[in-house]
Amino acid sequence: MTQLKIWKTHPSNQIPKKQTEGSACFDLQFQGHGKTEYKGFSRHNKAFTRPLNNMISIQPGDRTMIPTGLILDIPEGHSVRVHARSGLSLKQGLVLANAEGVIDSDYVEELMVLIWNISDNAINIHTGDRIAQAELIKDETYSIVETAARPGVKTSRVGGMGSTGIKDEGNVLTLNISEPKIPDFIKQEPPKRGRGRPRKNVSTL
């Protein structure tokens, strides 16, 4: 069985584990033992360094580097992928600033989780709080080579980004989008002439 070896940066840190037998990922915790500060960027894109006392306060819009207190010894031919926790994202608005973290097998520094607070509230996390989840992935071996010919059409798809909703009718591309129906309650009647509005002067010859 493949092993993911983990070294703790502080004796009080906890080794992560899967919560159930069917879990694909193991949970990552914020572990601030032995640390005095944390870093990140504010909503105005200004770098900050703040004191850490077993608690991190993530202000609205902050992108914060959360220490896990762990260094992963990832086996060759594998990588670790870090994902957001669904409950934390939905209920508190804490998501990953980089959408998905990719930890290569030759990275041997402390694993930091990049948390972005997209809510309007300051959120405090304490040592031991679960902040993300991660999984060990086996890499597919491949090489990157240049090709002399442009790739040809492989399916019925025509066009580039966002083209799956377009139909090819001969030489004309048409969007497969129906005309939106305007609800009756927002339809506007033409303005009526009020009683007090003066009539236009009409000259007679």
C-alpha atoms as a PDB file:
ATOM      1  CA  MET A   1       0.000   0.000   0.000  1.00  0.00           C
ATOM      2  CA  THR A   2       1.237   3.495  -0.872  1.00  0.00           C
ATOM      3  CA  GLN A   3       2.175   5.605   2.155  1.00  0.00           C
ATOM      4  CA  LEU A   4       2.017   9.369   2.597  1.00  0.00           C
ATOM      5  CA  LYS A   5       4.590  10.208   5.267  1.00  0.00           C
ATOM      6  CA  ILE A   6       4.072  13.382   7.310  1.00  0.00           C
ATOM      7  CA  TRP A   7       6.477  15.282   9.554  1.00  0.00           C
ATOM      8  CA  LYS A   8       5.117  17.562  12.287  1.00  0.00           C
ATOM      9  CA  THR A   9       6.739  20.989  12.729  1.00  0.00           C
ATOM     10  CA  HIS A  10       5.704  20.930  16.410  1.00  0.00           C
ATOM     11  CA  PRO A  11       5.171  17.977  18.766  1.00  0.00           C
ATOM     12  CA  SER A  12       1.657  19.199  19.665  1.00  0.00           C
ATOM     13  CA  ASN A  13       0.448  19.123  16.049  1.00  0.00           C
ATOM     14  CA  GLN A  14      -1.933  16.356  15.010  1.00  0.00           C
ATOM     15  CA  ILE A  15      -1.469  13.982  12.069  1.00  0.00           C
ATOM     16  CA  PRO A  16      -4.520  14.223   9.758  1.00  0.00           C
ATOM     17  CA  LYS A  17      -6.839  11.317   9.141  1.00  0.00           C
ATOM     18  CA  LYS A  18      -9.851  10.354   7.061  1.00  0.00           C
ATOM     19  CA  GLN A  19     -13.140  10.825   8.872  1.00  0.00           C
ATOM     20  CA  THR A  20     -14.826   7.696   7.454  1.00  0.00           C
ATOM     21  CA  GLU A  21     -13.768   4.544   5.622  1.00  0.00           C
ATOM     22  CA  GLY A  22     -15.342   5.862   2.428  1.00  0.00           C
ATOM     23  CA  SER A  23     -13.713   9.303   2.572  1.00  0.00           C
ATOM     24  CA  ALA A  24     -11.610  10.211  -0.453  1.00  0.00           C
ATOM     25  CA  CYS A  25      -9.810  12.992   1.411  1.00  0.00           C
ATOM     26  CA  PHE A  26      -8.226  13.632   4.792  1.00  0.00           C
ATOM     27  CA  ASP A  27      -8.908  16.827   6.735  1.00  0.00           C
ATOM     28  CA  LEU A  28      -6.339  19.574   7.196  1.00  0.00           C
ATOM     29  CA  GLN A  29      -6.369  21.643  10.385  1.00  0.00           C
ATOM     30  CA  PHE A  30      -5.058  25.055  11.287  1.00  0.00           C
ATOM     31  CA  GLN A  31      -2.175  24.299  13.667  1.00  0.00           C
ATOM     32  CA  GLY A  32      -0.386  27.333  15.025  1.00  0.00           C
ATOM     33  CA  HIS A  33       1.762  25.746  17.712  1.00  0.00           C
ATOM     34  CA  GLY A  34       5.144  27.480  17.924  1.00  0.00           C
ATOM     35  CA  LYS A  35       4.141  30.304  15.548  1.00  0.00           C
ATOM     36  CA  THR A  36       3.825  33.990  16.419  1.00  0.00           C
ATOM     37  CA  GLU A  37       2.497  35.535  13.198  1.00  0.00           C
ATOM     38  CA  TYR A  38       0.605  34.857  10.000  1.00  0.00           C
ATOM     39  CA  LYS A  39       0.628  36.549   6.596  1.00  0.00           C
ATOM     40  CA  GLY A  40      -1.663  37.327   3.712  1.00  0.00           C
ATOM     41  CA  PHE A  41      -3.196  40.049   1.526  1.00  0.00           C
ATOM     42  CA  SER A  42      -6.120  42.325   2.319  1.00  0.00           C
ATOM     43  CA  ARG A  43      -9.127  42.972   0.096  1.00  0.00           C
ATOM     44  CA  HIS A  44      -7.191  46.021  -1.190  1.00  0.00           C
ATOM     45  CA  ASN A  45      -4.338  43.710  -2.244  1.00  0.00           C
ATOM     46  CA  LYS A  46      -1.980  44.983   0.465  1.00  0.00           C
ATOM     47  CA  ALA A  47       0.363  42.514   2.149  1.00  0.00           C
ATOM     48  CA  PHE A  48      -0.028  42.144   5.912  1.00  0.00           C
ATOM     49  CA  THR A  49       1.655  40.357   8.821  1.00  0.00           C
ATOM     50  CA  ARG A  50      -0.437  39.941  11.966  1.00  0.00           C
ATOM     51  CA  PRO A  51       0.252  38.419  15.392  1.00  0.00           C
ATOM     52  CA  LEU A  52      -0.876  34.831  15.904  1.00  0.00           C
ATOM     53  CA  ASN A  53      -1.966  33.623  19.331  1.00  0.00           C
ATOM     54  CA  ASN A  54      -3.533  30.253  18.527  1.00  0.00           C
ATOM     55  CA  MET A  55      -6.161  32.183  16.554  1.00  0.00           C
ATOM     56  CA  ILE A  56      -6.328  33.755  13.095  1.00  0.00           C
ATOM     57  CA  SER A  57      -8.852  36.464  12.233  1.00  0.00           C
ATOM     58  CA  ILE A  58      -9.729  36.509   8.535  1.00  0.00           C
ATOM     59  CA  GLN A  59     -11.270  39.848   7.589  1.00  0.00           C
ATOM     60  CA  PRO A  60     -13.729  40.206   4.675  1.00  0.00           C
ATOM     61  CA  GLY A  61     -11.806  39.932   1.417  1.00  0.00           C
ATOM     62  CA  ASP A  62      -8.607  38.688   3.084  1.00  0.00           C
ATOM     63  CA  ARG A  63      -6.487  36.022   1.381  1.00  0.00           C
ATOM     64  CA  THR A  64      -4.633  34.383   4.247  1.00  0.00           C
ATOM     65  CA  MET A  65      -1.887  31.769   4.463  1.00  0.00           C
ATOM     66  CA  ILE A  66      -3.035  29.264   7.085  1.00  0.00           C
ATOM     67  CA  PRO A  67      -0.280  27.044   8.533  1.00  0.00           C
ATOM     68  CA  THR A  68      -1.024  23.350   8.927  1.00  0.00           C
ATOM     69  CA  GLY A  69       2.119  22.510  10.904  1.00  0.00           C
ATOM     70  CA  LEU A  70       2.805  19.620   8.512  1.00  0.00           C
ATOM     71  CA  ILE A  71       5.460  18.782   5.924  1.00  0.00           C
ATOM     72  CA  LEU A  72       4.409  16.083   3.475  1.00  0.00           C
ATOM     73  CA  ASP A  73       6.817  13.459   2.164  1.00  0.00           C
ATOM     74  CA  ILE A  74       4.900  12.769  -1.046  1.00  0.00           C
ATOM     75  CA  PRO A  75       5.994   9.581  -2.828  1.00  0.00           C
ATOM     76  CA  GLU A  76       7.504   9.998  -6.279  1.00  0.00           C
ATOM     77  CA  GLY A  77       4.915   9.774  -9.043  1.00  0.00           C
ATOM     78  CA  HIS A  78       2.218  11.299  -6.849  1.00  0.00           C
ATOM     79  CA  SER A  79       0.920  14.721  -5.829  1.00  0.00           C
ATOM     80  CA  VAL A  80      -1.440  16.022  -3.161  1.00  0.00           C
ATOM     81  CA  ARG A  81      -4.499  18.058  -4.133  1.00  0.00           C
ATOM     82  CA  VAL A  82      -6.037  20.453  -1.601  1.00  0.00           C
ATOM     83  CA  HIS A  83      -9.774  21.184  -1.840  1.00  0.00           C
ATOM     84  CA  ALA A  84     -12.150  23.505   0.002  1.00  0.00           C
ATOM     85  CA  ARG A  85     -14.482  22.043   2.627  1.00  0.00           C
ATOM     86  CA  SER A  86     -18.057  22.295   1.369  1.00  0.00           C
ATOM     87  CA  GLY A  87     -19.592  23.184   4.736  1.00  0.00           C
ATOM     88  CA  LEU A  88     -17.029  25.915   5.412  1.00  0.00           C
ATOM     89  CA  SER A  89     -17.549  27.392   1.950  1.00  0.00           C
ATOM     90  CA  LEU A  90     -21.343  27.384   2.113  1.00  0.00           C
ATOM     91  CA  LYS A  91     -21.935  28.404   5.727  1.00  0.00           C
ATOM     92  CA  GLN A  92     -19.044  30.801   6.363  1.00  0.00           C
ATOM     93  CA  GLY A  93     -17.767  31.851   2.948  1.00  0.00           C
ATOM     94  CA  LEU A  94     -14.229  30.526   3.387  1.00  0.00           C
ATOM     95  CA  VAL A  95     -12.931  29.152   0.084  1.00  0.00           C
ATOM     96  CA  LEU A  96      -9.512  28.445  -1.395  1.00  0.00           C
ATOM     97  CA  ALA A  97      -7.906  31.498  -2.974  1.00  0.00           C
ATOM     98  CA  ASN A  98      -6.284  29.294  -5.636  1.00  0.00           C
ATOM     99  CA  ALA A  99      -9.414  27.132  -6.208  1.00  0.00           C
ATOM    100  CA  GLU A 100      -7.332  23.952  -5.814  1.00  0.00           C
ATOM    101  CA  GLY A 101      -3.926  23.544  -4.251  1.00  0.00           C
ATOM    102  CA  VAL A 102      -1.426  21.291  -6.031  1.00  0.00           C
ATOM    103  CA  ILE A 103       1.467  20.027  -3.906  1.00  0.00           C
ATOM    104  CA  ASP A 104       4.256  18.445  -5.964  1.00  0.00           C
ATOM    105  CA  SER A 105       6.284  15.504  -4.719  1.00  0.00           C
ATOM    106  CA  ASP A 106       9.476  17.602  -4.565  1.00  0.00           C
ATOM    107  CA  TYR A 107       7.902  20.270  -2.305  1.00  0.00           C
ATOM    108  CA  VAL A 108       9.260  19.642   1.199  1.00  0.00           C
ATOM    109  CA  GLU A 109       8.263  22.802   3.081  1.00  0.00           C
ATOM    110  CA  GLU A 110       5.313  23.346   5.420  1.00  0.00           C
ATOM    111  CA  LEU A 111       1.931  22.984   3.757  1.00  0.00           C
ATOM    112  CA  MET A 112       0.094  26.317   3.817  1.00  0.00           C
ATOM    113  CA  VAL A 113      -3.575  26.574   2.873  1.00  0.00           C
ATOM    114  CA  LEU A 114      -4.613  29.759   1.062  1.00  0.00           C
ATOM    115  CA  ILE A 115      -7.990  30.772   2.492  1.00  0.00           C
ATOM    116  CA  TRP A 116     -10.117  33.574   0.995  1.00  0.00           C
ATOM    117  CA  ASN A 117     -12.948  35.121   2.982  1.00  0.00           C
ATOM    118  CA  ILE A 118     -15.664  35.991   0.445  1.00  0.00           C
ATOM    119  CA  SER A 119     -18.221  36.851   3.133  1.00  0.00           C
ATOM    120  CA  ASP A 120     -18.921  40.268   4.645  1.00  0.00           C
ATOM    121  CA  ASN A 121     -18.001  39.105   8.158  1.00  0.00           C
ATOM    122  CA  ALA A 122     -14.694  38.659   9.957  1.00  0.00           C
ATOM    123  CA  ILE A 123     -14.192  34.968  10.741  1.00  0.00           C
ATOM    124  CA  ASN A 124     -11.948  33.633  13.509  1.00  0.00           C
ATOM    125  CA  ILE A 125     -10.389  30.190  13.309  1.00  0.00           C
ATOM    126  CA  HIS A 126      -8.597  28.503  16.177  1.00  0.00           C
ATOM    127  CA  THR A 127      -5.864  25.899  16.400  1.00  0.00           C
ATOM    128  CA  GLY A 128      -7.404  22.523  15.616  1.00  0.00           C
ATOM    129  CA  ASP A 129     -10.180  23.868  13.362  1.00  0.00           C
ATOM    130  CA  ARG A 130     -10.535  21.996  10.075  1.00  0.00           C
ATOM    131  CA  ILE A 131      -9.901  24.377   7.177  1.00  0.00           C
ATOM    132  CA  ALA A 132      -9.554  22.198   4.051  1.00  0.00           C
ATOM    133  CA  GLN A 133      -9.335  18.633   2.786  1.00  0.00           C
ATOM    134  CA  ALA A 134      -6.657  16.914   0.724  1.00  0.00           C
ATOM    135  CA  GLU A 135      -6.037  13.700  -1.193  1.00  0.00           C
ATOM    136  CA  LEU A 136      -3.068  11.794  -2.568  1.00  0.00           C
ATOM    137  CA  ILE A 137      -3.240  11.503  -6.365  1.00  0.00           C
ATOM    138  CA  LYS A 138      -1.215   9.232  -8.626  1.00  0.00           C
ATOM    139  CA  ASP A 139       0.252  11.186 -11.518  1.00  0.00           C
ATOM    140  CA  GLU A 140      -0.149  10.079 -15.118  1.00  0.00           C
ATOM    141  CA  THR A 141       3.215   9.864 -16.881  1.00  0.00           C
ATOM    142  CA  TYR A 142       3.224  11.869 -20.106  1.00  0.00           C
ATOM    143  CA  SER A 143       5.486  14.002 -22.264  1.00  0.00           C
ATOM    144  CA  ILE A 144       4.797  17.315 -23.978  1.00  0.00           C
ATOM    145  CA  VAL A 145       5.676  17.411 -27.696  1.00  0.00           C
ATOM    146  CA  GLU A 146       5.084  19.902 -30.482  1.00  0.00           C
ATOM    147  CA  THR A 147       2.890  18.841 -33.397  1.00  0.00           C
ATOM    148  CA  ALA A 148       3.284  20.128 -36.946  1.00  0.00           C
ATOM    149  CA  ALA A 149      -0.431  19.991 -37.764  1.00  0.00           C
ATOM    150  CA  ARG A 150      -3.292  21.782 -36.075  1.00  0.00           C
ATOM    151  CA  PRO A 151      -5.674  19.324 -34.345  1.00  0.00           C
ATOM    152  CA  GLY A 152      -8.745  18.517 -36.420  1.00  0.00           C
ATOM    153  CA  VAL A 153     -12.375  18.437 -35.332  1.00  0.00           C
ATOM    154  CA  LYS A 154     -12.942  15.359 -33.164  1.00  0.00           C
ATOM    155  CA  THR A 155     -16.676  15.547 -32.486  1.00  0.00           C
ATOM    156  CA  SER A 156     -19.692  17.585 -33.585  1.00  0.00           C
ATOM    157  CA  ARG A 157     -18.397  20.538 -31.578  1.00  0.00           C
ATOM    158  CA  VAL A 158     -17.656  23.646 -33.643  1.00  0.00           C
ATOM    159  CA  GLY A 159     -15.989  26.772 -32.251  1.00  0.00           C
ATOM    160  CA  GLY A 160     -14.003  27.662 -29.179  1.00  0.00           C
ATOM    161  CA  MET A 161     -14.816  28.601 -25.618  1.00  0.00           C
ATOM    162  CA  GLY A 162     -18.547  28.575 -24.919  1.00  0.00           C
ATOM    163  CA  SER A 163     -19.352  27.018 -28.287  1.00  0.00           C
ATOM    164  CA  THR A 164     -21.310  23.994 -27.059  1.00  0.00           C
ATOM    165  CA  GLY A 165     -24.542  26.018 -27.325  1.00  0.00           C
ATOM    166  CA  ILE A 166     -23.953  26.874 -31.022  1.00  0.00           C
ATOM    167  CA  LYS A 167     -25.365  24.999 -33.998  1.00  0.00           C
ATOM    168  CA  ASP A 168     -23.606  24.762 -37.350  1.00  0.00           C
ATOM    169  CA  GLU A 169     -26.171  25.306 -40.114  1.00  0.00           C
ATOM    170  CA  GLY A 170     -24.165  25.163 -43.318  1.00  0.00           C
ATOM    171  CA  ASN A 171     -21.788  28.093 -43.287  1.00  0.00           C
ATOM    172  CA  VAL A 172     -23.807  29.994 -40.696  1.00  0.00           C
ATOM    173  CA  LEU A 173     -23.348  29.571 -36.955  1.00  0.00           C
ATOM    174  CA  THR A 174     -26.474  30.233 -34.917  1.00  0.00           C
ATOM    175  CA  LEU A 175     -26.887  30.342 -31.177  1.00  0.00           C
ATOM    176  CA  ASN A 176     -29.308  27.810 -29.782  1.00  0.00           C
ATOM    177  CA  ILE A 177     -30.942  30.366 -27.497  1.00  0.00           C
ATOM    178  CA  SER A 178     -34.646  31.162 -27.515  1.00  0.00           C
ATOM    179  CA  GLU A 179     -35.878  34.751 -27.343  1.00  0.00           C
ATOM    180  CA  PRO A 180     -36.525  35.636 -23.703  1.00  0.00           C
ATOM    181  CA  LYS A 181     -40.174  36.250 -22.869  1.00  0.00           C
ATOM    182  CA  ILE A 182     -40.871  39.519 -21.091  1.00  0.00           C
ATOM    183  CA  PRO A 183     -43.325  39.043 -18.217  1.00  0.00           C
ATOM    184  CA  ASP A 184     -46.583  40.933 -18.545  1.00  0.00           C
ATOM    185  CA  PHE A 185     -46.053  42.838 -15.314  1.00  0.00           C
ATOM    186  CA  ILE A 186     -42.975  44.663 -16.660  1.00  0.00           C
ATOM    187  CA  LYS A 187     -44.390  45.485 -20.080  1.00  0.00           C
ATOM    188  CA  GLN A 188     -44.877  49.208 -20.418  1.00  0.00           C
ATOM    189  CA  GLU A 189     -47.808  50.900 -22.093  1.00  0.00           C
ATOM    190  CA  PRO A 190     -47.092  53.948 -24.266  1.00  0.00           C
ATOM    191  CA  PRO A 191     -47.516  57.196 -22.277  1.00  0.00           C
ATOM    192  CA  LYS A 192     -50.998  58.717 -22.440  1.00  0.00           C
ATOM    193  CA  ARG A 193     -51.609  62.434 -22.878  1.00  0.00           C
ATOM    194  CA  GLY A 194     -52.746  63.941 -19.620  1.00  0.00           C
ATOM    195  CA  ARG A 195     -55.568  66.468 -19.284  1.00  0.00           C
ATOM    196  CA  GLY A 196     -53.261  69.263 -18.270  1.00  0.00           C
ATOM    197  CA  ARG A 197     -50.738  68.753 -21.109  1.00  0.00           C
ATOM    198  CA  PRO A 198     -51.015  71.542 -23.715  1.00  0.00           C
ATOM    199  CA  ARG A 199     -51.680  70.587 -27.286  1.00  0.00           C
ATOM    200  CA  LYS A 200     -49.160  71.410 -29.963  1.00  0.00           C
ATOM    201  CA  ASN A 201     -49.932  74.557 -31.953  1.00  0.00           C
ATOM    202  CA  VAL A 202     -51.100  73.694 -35.417  1.00  0.00           C
ATOM    203  CA  SER A 203     -50.912  76.484 -37.965  1.00  0.00           C
ATOM    204  CA  THR A 204     -53.424  76.604 -40.804  1.00  0.00           C
ATOM    205  CA  LEU A 205     -52.776  78.020 -44.215  1.00  0.00           C
END
